[in-house]
């Protein structure tokens, strides 16, 4: 953007052009209109107000009118209309170009911010343009819904408006990426992400939001963003309940899945015998999931599975007989529950079929 000036700076030659046209009653020439369009573009690049510029044009036209005889003055209004229209056309054209360039720069910055595809020092400099200080810790929240969301969608605009109305400019960034809604906020302002999660859940008609942990430095946003994405993926694979997931609450799962081969061996060794059951292993794995998720309370587990307590007890007995481990025995419970978590992470038994 050029340095901001005054509206009168963009009226050069305007008064004389009006006088020349009114003297003969002619319309403005193409060259004269091009000059007005060019001045409009310059004014837009200087970030001036179109309202102030139009007022300056009309004021100048009034001054010209006072110098004209009655007959030439009759054609003044038409000439002014042409001149202002051409000026506004140039102004709009330059403004739209500036908006497109700003949107492209913002999108490029967001891509680099979330994927770490740029020099971190340079990224920190660019972040200041968008009101962010990457030297501080940041956390990222990612929201998904029943349909993908993009920039300009009513849902995305509504959430962004709600967040900015509530908190103002707190060095936050709201955007969309790959059909998801994303909010980046300073790590010491968890209330911003909590509000975003609430708004996103309501606006996406029962969607889900994952919040990554706060991490410092330019690379902290990437780290937090990846944590949030991994939390969403984990929730889908594990059928985790709840509209809002916090990566800090799910750290045990990446630890368990880090050695995939060891986890696969544990699952196969511990749960493999369940394949011998009538109907296969899956119903009994589902039984263990419900049993452990309900705190090993048989009545609650039976309710979750829509079974009678007697039927649930029978299934637990079958599990004990086949695996030689008792879900109700604290000595066996940790191994069995870890194997069940591994089965859900690995998609067992379907993935091993």
Protein backbone atom coordinates (compact mmCIF):
# COMPACT_ATOMS: atom_id res chain seq x y z
CA UNK A 1 0.00 0.00 0.00
CA UNK A 2 1.17 3.51 -0.75
CA UNK A 3 1.34 6.08 1.99
CA UNK A 4 -2.01 7.55 2.88
CA UNK A 5 -2.61 11.04 1.42
CA UNK A 6 -5.56 13.41 1.13
CA UNK A 7 -8.49 13.09 -1.24
CA UNK A 8 -7.60 16.36 -2.97
CA UNK A 9 -4.32 14.85 -4.21
CA UNK A 10 -6.30 12.66 -6.62
CA UNK A 11 -8.24 15.52 -8.25
CA UNK A 12 -5.36 16.74 -10.40
CA UNK A 13 -6.74 17.96 -13.74
CA UNK A 14 -10.32 17.15 -12.69
CA UNK A 15 -11.59 20.75 -12.56
CA UNK A 16 -10.06 21.66 -15.93
CA UNK A 17 -11.51 18.50 -17.45
CA UNK A 18 -14.98 19.54 -16.27
CA UNK A 19 -14.54 23.04 -17.66
CA UNK A 20 -13.36 21.77 -21.07
CA UNK A 21 -16.25 19.32 -21.39
CA UNK A 22 -18.90 21.80 -20.27
CA UNK A 23 -17.60 24.49 -22.63
CA UNK A 24 -18.77 22.45 -25.64
CA UNK A 25 -21.34 20.24 -23.96
CA UNK A 26 -19.40 17.11 -24.94
CA UNK A 27 -18.99 13.87 -23.03
CA UNK A 28 -15.66 12.86 -21.57
CA UNK A 29 -13.20 11.21 -23.93
CA UNK A 30 -11.79 7.73 -23.43
CA UNK A 31 -8.41 9.20 -22.50
CA UNK A 32 -10.00 11.44 -19.85
CA UNK A 33 -11.92 8.49 -18.39
CA UNK A 34 -8.74 6.42 -18.31
CA UNK A 35 -7.05 9.18 -16.31
CA UNK A 36 -9.89 9.13 -13.76
CA UNK A 37 -9.70 5.31 -13.49
CA UNK A 38 -5.96 5.52 -12.91
CA UNK A 39 -6.48 8.11 -10.17
CA UNK A 40 -9.07 5.83 -8.59
CA UNK A 41 -6.59 2.96 -8.55
CA UNK A 42 -3.94 5.16 -6.96
CA UNK A 43 -6.38 6.30 -4.29
CA UNK A 44 -7.32 2.71 -3.46
CA UNK A 45 -3.65 1.73 -3.20
CA UNK A 46 -3.21 4.65 -0.77
CA UNK A 47 -6.00 3.14 1.36
CA UNK A 48 -8.23 6.22 1.18
CA UNK A 49 -11.96 6.20 1.87
CA UNK A 50 -14.14 6.13 -1.25
CA UNK A 51 -16.73 8.19 0.60
CA UNK A 52 -14.21 10.97 1.21
CA UNK A 53 -13.06 10.82 -2.38
CA UNK A 54 -16.56 11.10 -3.82
CA UNK A 55 -17.27 14.03 -1.48
CA UNK A 56 -14.10 15.75 -2.75
CA UNK A 57 -15.19 15.22 -6.36
CA UNK A 58 -18.61 16.72 -5.69
CA UNK A 59 -17.15 19.67 -3.80
CA UNK A 60 -14.76 20.38 -6.68
CA UNK A 61 -17.67 20.12 -9.13
CA UNK A 62 -19.60 22.68 -7.08
CA UNK A 63 -16.65 25.07 -7.31
CA UNK A 64 -16.57 24.61 -11.08
CA UNK A 65 -20.31 25.20 -11.32
CA UNK A 66 -19.95 28.60 -9.71
CA UNK A 67 -17.63 29.69 -12.54
CA UNK A 68 -19.84 28.49 -15.38
CA UNK A 69 -22.51 30.37 -17.27
CA UNK A 70 -26.03 28.89 -16.98
CA UNK A 71 -25.96 27.07 -20.33
CA UNK A 72 -22.67 25.15 -19.87
CA UNK A 73 -23.66 24.40 -16.29
CA UNK A 74 -26.55 22.26 -17.53
CA UNK A 75 -24.17 19.59 -18.85
CA UNK A 76 -22.02 19.55 -15.70
CA UNK A 77 -24.02 16.88 -13.88
CA UNK A 78 -23.61 14.37 -16.71
CA UNK A 79 -19.87 15.00 -16.93
CA UNK A 80 -19.47 14.63 -13.16
CA UNK A 81 -21.40 11.36 -13.30
CA UNK A 82 -19.00 10.02 -15.94
CA UNK A 83 -15.94 11.17 -14.04
CA UNK A 84 -17.00 9.78 -10.67
CA UNK A 85 -18.13 6.50 -12.22
CA UNK A 86 -14.75 6.01 -13.91
CA UNK A 87 -12.92 6.97 -10.72
CA UNK A 88 -14.98 4.50 -8.66
CA UNK A 89 -14.38 1.78 -11.26
CA UNK A 90 -10.64 2.18 -10.94
CA UNK A 91 -10.93 2.32 -7.15
CA UNK A 92 -12.97 -0.90 -7.03
CA UNK A 93 -10.64 -2.67 -9.42
CA UNK A 94 -7.58 -1.85 -7.32
CA UNK A 95 -9.42 -2.73 -4.10
CA UNK A 96 -10.47 -6.12 -5.44
CA UNK A 97 -6.93 -6.83 -6.58
CA UNK A 98 -5.62 -5.89 -3.14
CA UNK A 99 -8.17 -8.20 -1.50
CA UNK A 100 -7.19 -11.09 -3.75
CA UNK A 101 -3.52 -10.50 -3.07
CA UNK A 102 -4.19 -10.32 0.67
CA UNK A 103 -6.22 -13.53 0.56
CA UNK A 104 -3.46 -15.29 -1.38
CA UNK A 105 -0.83 -14.09 1.09
CA UNK A 106 -2.99 -15.18 4.03
CA UNK A 107 -3.60 -18.62 2.53
CA UNK A 108 0.11 -19.08 1.81
CA UNK A 109 0.92 -18.04 5.37
CA UNK A 110 -1.65 -20.45 6.81
CA UNK A 111 -0.27 -23.33 4.73
CA UNK A 112 3.26 -22.61 5.90
CA UNK A 113 2.10 -22.09 9.48
CA UNK A 114 0.24 -25.40 9.69
CA UNK A 115 2.67 -27.50 7.68
CA UNK A 116 5.97 -25.86 8.56
CA UNK A 117 6.82 -25.34 4.90
CA UNK A 118 8.84 -22.16 5.34
CA UNK A 119 11.88 -20.82 7.13
CA UNK A 120 10.77 -20.43 10.74
CA UNK A 121 12.45 -17.06 11.17
CA UNK A 122 10.78 -15.70 8.06
CA UNK A 123 7.50 -17.27 9.15
CA UNK A 124 7.64 -15.40 12.46
CA UNK A 125 8.13 -12.11 10.59
CA UNK A 126 5.16 -12.79 8.32
CA UNK A 127 3.01 -13.74 11.31
CA UNK A 128 3.23 -10.21 12.70
CA UNK A 129 1.38 -8.98 9.64
CA UNK A 130 -1.58 -11.13 10.70
CA UNK A 131 -1.44 -10.12 14.36
CA UNK A 132 0.40 -13.19 15.68
CA UNK A 133 3.56 -13.40 17.76
CA UNK A 134 5.07 -16.80 17.15
CA UNK A 135 7.69 -16.29 19.83
CA UNK A 136 4.90 -17.12 22.27
CA UNK A 137 3.32 -20.53 22.83
CA UNK A 138 0.23 -21.30 20.75
CA UNK A 139 -2.42 -23.98 20.76
CA UNK A 140 -4.66 -25.11 17.90
CA UNK A 141 -8.24 -26.34 17.89
CA UNK A 142 -9.64 -28.22 14.88
CA UNK A 143 -13.36 -28.72 14.31
CA UNK A 144 -15.04 -31.14 11.92
CA UNK A 145 -18.66 -31.43 10.94
CA UNK A 146 -20.97 -33.51 8.79
CA UNK A 147 -19.79 -31.61 5.71
CA UNK A 148 -16.55 -29.89 4.71
CA UNK A 149 -16.21 -26.17 5.35
CA UNK A 150 -14.36 -23.55 3.36
CA UNK A 151 -13.48 -19.86 3.61
CA UNK A 152 -16.53 -17.68 3.21
CA UNK A 153 -18.99 -20.36 4.27
CA UNK A 154 -21.72 -18.97 6.57
CA UNK A 155 -20.69 -21.39 9.33
CA UNK A 156 -17.04 -20.32 9.21
CA UNK A 157 -17.95 -16.63 9.07
CA UNK A 158 -20.41 -16.97 11.93
CA UNK A 159 -17.91 -18.67 14.22
CA UNK A 160 -15.18 -16.16 13.38
CA UNK A 161 -17.56 -13.28 14.08
CA UNK A 162 -18.63 -14.80 17.40
CA UNK A 163 -15.02 -15.31 18.55
CA UNK A 164 -13.91 -11.81 17.56
CA UNK A 165 -17.00 -10.24 19.11
CA UNK A 166 -16.39 -12.04 22.39
CA UNK A 167 -12.61 -11.63 22.66
CA UNK A 168 -11.66 -8.91 20.18
CA UNK A 169 -8.23 -9.10 18.59
CA UNK A 170 -6.28 -11.38 20.92
CA UNK A 171 -3.68 -12.43 18.38
CA UNK A 172 -5.90 -15.28 17.21
CA UNK A 173 -6.28 -16.74 13.73
CA UNK A 174 -9.40 -18.46 12.43
CA UNK A 175 -9.39 -20.22 9.09
CA UNK A 176 -10.39 -23.38 7.24
CA UNK A 177 -8.15 -26.15 5.98
CA UNK A 178 -9.08 -29.36 4.18
CA UNK A 179 -12.75 -28.86 5.05
CA UNK A 180 -12.09 -28.29 8.75
CA UNK A 181 -12.48 -25.20 10.92
CA UNK A 182 -9.27 -24.14 12.67
CA UNK A 183 -8.53 -21.70 15.46
CA UNK A 184 -5.00 -20.74 16.54
CA UNK A 185 -4.74 -18.88 19.85
CA UNK A 186 -2.03 -17.96 22.34
CA UNK A 187 -1.33 -20.80 24.73
CA UNK A 188 -2.12 -18.69 27.80
CA UNK A 189 -5.67 -18.02 26.59
CA UNK A 190 -7.44 -21.40 26.77
CA UNK A 191 -10.77 -19.63 27.12
CA UNK A 192 -10.56 -18.60 23.45
CA UNK A 193 -10.27 -22.20 22.24
CA UNK A 194 -12.95 -23.33 24.71
CA UNK A 195 -15.34 -20.74 23.29
CA UNK A 196 -14.39 -21.67 19.73
CA UNK A 197 -15.06 -25.34 20.51
CA UNK A 198 -18.46 -24.52 21.94
CA UNK A 199 -19.41 -22.38 18.96
CA UNK A 200 -18.08 -24.90 16.43
CA UNK A 201 -19.91 -27.80 18.06
CA UNK A 202 -23.18 -25.87 17.98
CA UNK A 203 -22.69 -24.55 14.44
CA UNK A 204 -21.67 -27.87 12.89
CA UNK A 205 -24.76 -29.65 14.20
CA UNK A 206 -23.01 -32.08 16.46
CA UNK A 207 -19.51 -32.00 15.02
CA UNK A 208 -16.38 -32.73 17.00
CA UNK A 209 -13.52 -30.49 18.11
CA UNK A 210 -9.99 -31.50 19.09
CA UNK A 211 -7.63 -29.19 20.96
CA UNK A 212 -3.86 -29.63 20.78
CA UNK A 213 -1.49 -28.73 23.59
CA UNK A 214 0.25 -25.35 23.67
CA UNK A 215 3.80 -25.36 22.28
CA UNK A 216 6.30 -22.47 22.05
CA UNK A 217 8.04 -20.98 19.04
CA UNK A 218 7.22 -20.84 15.33
CA UNK A 219 7.10 -24.64 15.15
CA UNK A 220 4.69 -24.85 18.07
CA UNK A 221 1.64 -24.24 15.90
CA UNK A 222 2.51 -27.17 13.63
CA UNK A 223 3.02 -29.44 16.63
CA UNK A 224 -0.29 -28.45 18.23
CA UNK A 225 -2.13 -28.73 14.91
CA UNK A 226 -0.81 -32.25 14.34
CA UNK A 227 -1.85 -33.23 17.86
CA UNK A 228 -5.38 -32.01 17.21
CA UNK A 229 -5.59 -33.91 13.92
CA UNK A 230 -4.24 -37.06 15.56
CA UNK A 231 -6.82 -36.70 18.34
CA UNK A 232 -9.63 -36.57 15.77
CA UNK A 233 -8.27 -39.62 13.97
CA UNK A 234 -7.86 -41.46 17.26
CA UNK A 235 -11.42 -40.61 18.28
CA UNK A 236 -12.74 -42.13 15.06
CA UNK A 237 -10.71 -45.33 15.47
CA UNK A 238 -11.45 -45.70 19.18
CA UNK A 239 -15.07 -44.53 19.01
CA UNK A 240 -14.30 -42.06 21.76
CA UNK A 241 -17.28 -40.14 23.08
CA UNK A 242 -17.62 -36.44 23.73
CA UNK A 243 -17.81 -33.37 21.47
CA UNK A 244 -14.47 -31.91 22.61
CA UNK A 245 -11.23 -33.86 22.79
CA UNK A 246 -8.03 -32.63 24.38
CA UNK A 247 -4.75 -34.08 23.12
CA UNK A 248 -3.35 -33.84 26.65
CA UNK A 249 -5.96 -36.38 27.78
CA UNK A 250 -5.06 -38.87 25.05
CA UNK A 251 -1.28 -39.08 25.37
CA UNK A 252 -1.37 -42.71 26.49
CA UNK A 253 -2.67 -43.88 23.12
CA UNK A 254 0.26 -42.65 20.99
CA UNK A 255 2.60 -44.20 23.56
CA UNK A 256 0.86 -47.56 23.25
CA UNK A 257 0.84 -47.38 19.47
CA UNK A 258 4.47 -46.29 19.12
CA UNK A 259 5.74 -49.88 18.89
CA UNK A 260 3.15 -51.27 16.50
CA UNK A 261 4.69 -54.74 16.25
CA UNK A 262 4.84 -55.17 20.03
CA UNK A 263 1.24 -54.03 20.33
CA UNK A 264 0.14 -56.41 17.58
CA UNK A 265 1.88 -59.29 19.39
CA UNK A 266 0.13 -58.40 22.66
CA UNK A 267 -3.27 -58.20 20.97
CA UNK A 268 -2.84 -61.47 19.13
CA UNK A 269 -1.48 -63.32 22.14
CA UNK A 270 -4.09 -62.04 24.57
CA UNK A 271 -7.20 -61.77 22.41
CA UNK A 272 -6.44 -64.23 19.61
CA UNK A 273 -8.26 -67.12 21.36
CA UNK A 274 -11.51 -65.12 21.15
CA UNK A 275 -11.71 -66.09 17.48
CA UNK A 276 -12.82 -69.54 18.62
CA UNK A 277 -16.07 -68.11 20.00
CA UNK A 278 -19.30 -68.57 18.09
CA UNK A 279 -19.74 -65.40 16.07
CA UNK A 280 -16.04 -64.60 16.14
CA UNK A 281 -13.99 -62.28 18.31
CA UNK A 282 -15.68 -58.94 17.63
CA UNK A 283 -18.74 -59.34 19.91
CA UNK A 284 -16.50 -60.30 22.83
CA UNK A 285 -14.09 -57.44 22.12
CA UNK A 286 -17.09 -55.07 22.12
CA UNK A 287 -18.12 -56.58 25.44
CA UNK A 288 -14.70 -55.83 26.93
CA UNK A 289 -14.77 -52.29 25.57
CA UNK A 290 -18.14 -51.61 27.19
CA UNK A 291 -17.09 -53.30 30.42
CA UNK A 292 -13.89 -51.29 30.81
CA UNK A 293 -15.48 -48.01 29.62
CA UNK A 294 -18.16 -48.40 32.28
CA UNK A 295 -15.61 -48.83 35.05
CA UNK A 296 -16.08 -52.62 35.21
CA UNK A 297 -19.70 -52.17 36.36
CA UNK A 298 -21.67 -55.03 34.85
CA UNK A 299 -25.05 -53.31 35.02
CA UNK A 300 -23.81 -50.24 33.13
CA UNK A 301 -21.91 -52.34 30.58
CA UNK A 302 -25.05 -54.42 29.93
CA UNK A 303 -27.06 -51.23 29.39
CA UNK A 304 -24.53 -49.90 26.88
CA UNK A 305 -24.69 -53.16 24.92
CA UNK A 306 -28.47 -53.48 25.24
CA UNK A 307 -27.99 -56.85 26.94
CA UNK A 308 -29.31 -58.37 30.15
CA UNK A 309 -26.85 -58.60 33.02
CA UNK A 310 -27.08 -62.37 32.74
CA UNK A 311 -26.09 -62.28 29.06
CA UNK A 312 -23.19 -59.96 29.83
CA UNK A 313 -22.00 -62.22 32.63
CA UNK A 314 -22.08 -65.18 30.24
CA UNK A 315 -19.91 -63.30 27.77
CA UNK A 316 -17.39 -62.38 30.45
CA UNK A 317 -17.21 -66.04 31.45
CA UNK A 318 -16.54 -67.02 27.83
CA UNK A 319 -13.75 -64.46 27.67
CA UNK A 320 -12.19 -65.84 30.84
CA UNK A 321 -12.44 -69.40 29.57
CA UNK A 322 -10.94 -68.64 26.16
CA UNK A 323 -8.17 -66.24 27.18
CA UNK A 324 -7.40 -67.60 30.64
CA UNK A 325 -7.61 -64.03 31.93
CA UNK A 326 -10.34 -62.67 34.16
CA UNK A 327 -11.58 -59.14 33.32
CA UNK A 328 -12.68 -58.74 36.94
CA UNK A 329 -9.30 -59.71 38.39
CA UNK A 330 -7.02 -56.66 38.98
CA UNK A 331 -4.00 -58.86 38.21
CA UNK A 332 -5.29 -59.56 34.69
CA UNK A 333 -7.21 -56.38 34.05
CA UNK A 334 -4.31 -54.15 32.98
CA UNK A 335 -2.99 -56.62 30.38
CA UNK A 336 -6.47 -57.31 29.05
CA UNK A 337 -7.48 -53.65 28.90
CA UNK A 338 -4.22 -52.68 27.19
CA UNK A 339 -4.81 -55.43 24.62
CA UNK A 340 -8.35 -54.11 24.03
CA UNK A 341 -7.02 -50.58 23.50
CA UNK A 342 -4.46 -51.99 21.07
CA UNK A 343 -7.19 -53.88 19.21
CA UNK A 344 -9.12 -50.66 18.73
CA UNK A 345 -6.00 -48.78 17.60
CA UNK A 346 -5.08 -51.53 15.12
CA UNK A 347 -8.60 -52.26 13.94
CA UNK A 348 -8.33 -55.82 15.21
CA UNK A 349 -9.73 -58.37 14.41
CA UNK A 350 -10.90 -56.97 11.04
CA UNK A 351 -7.45 -55.64 10.08
CA UNK A 352 -5.90 -59.06 10.66
CA UNK A 353 -8.45 -60.99 8.65
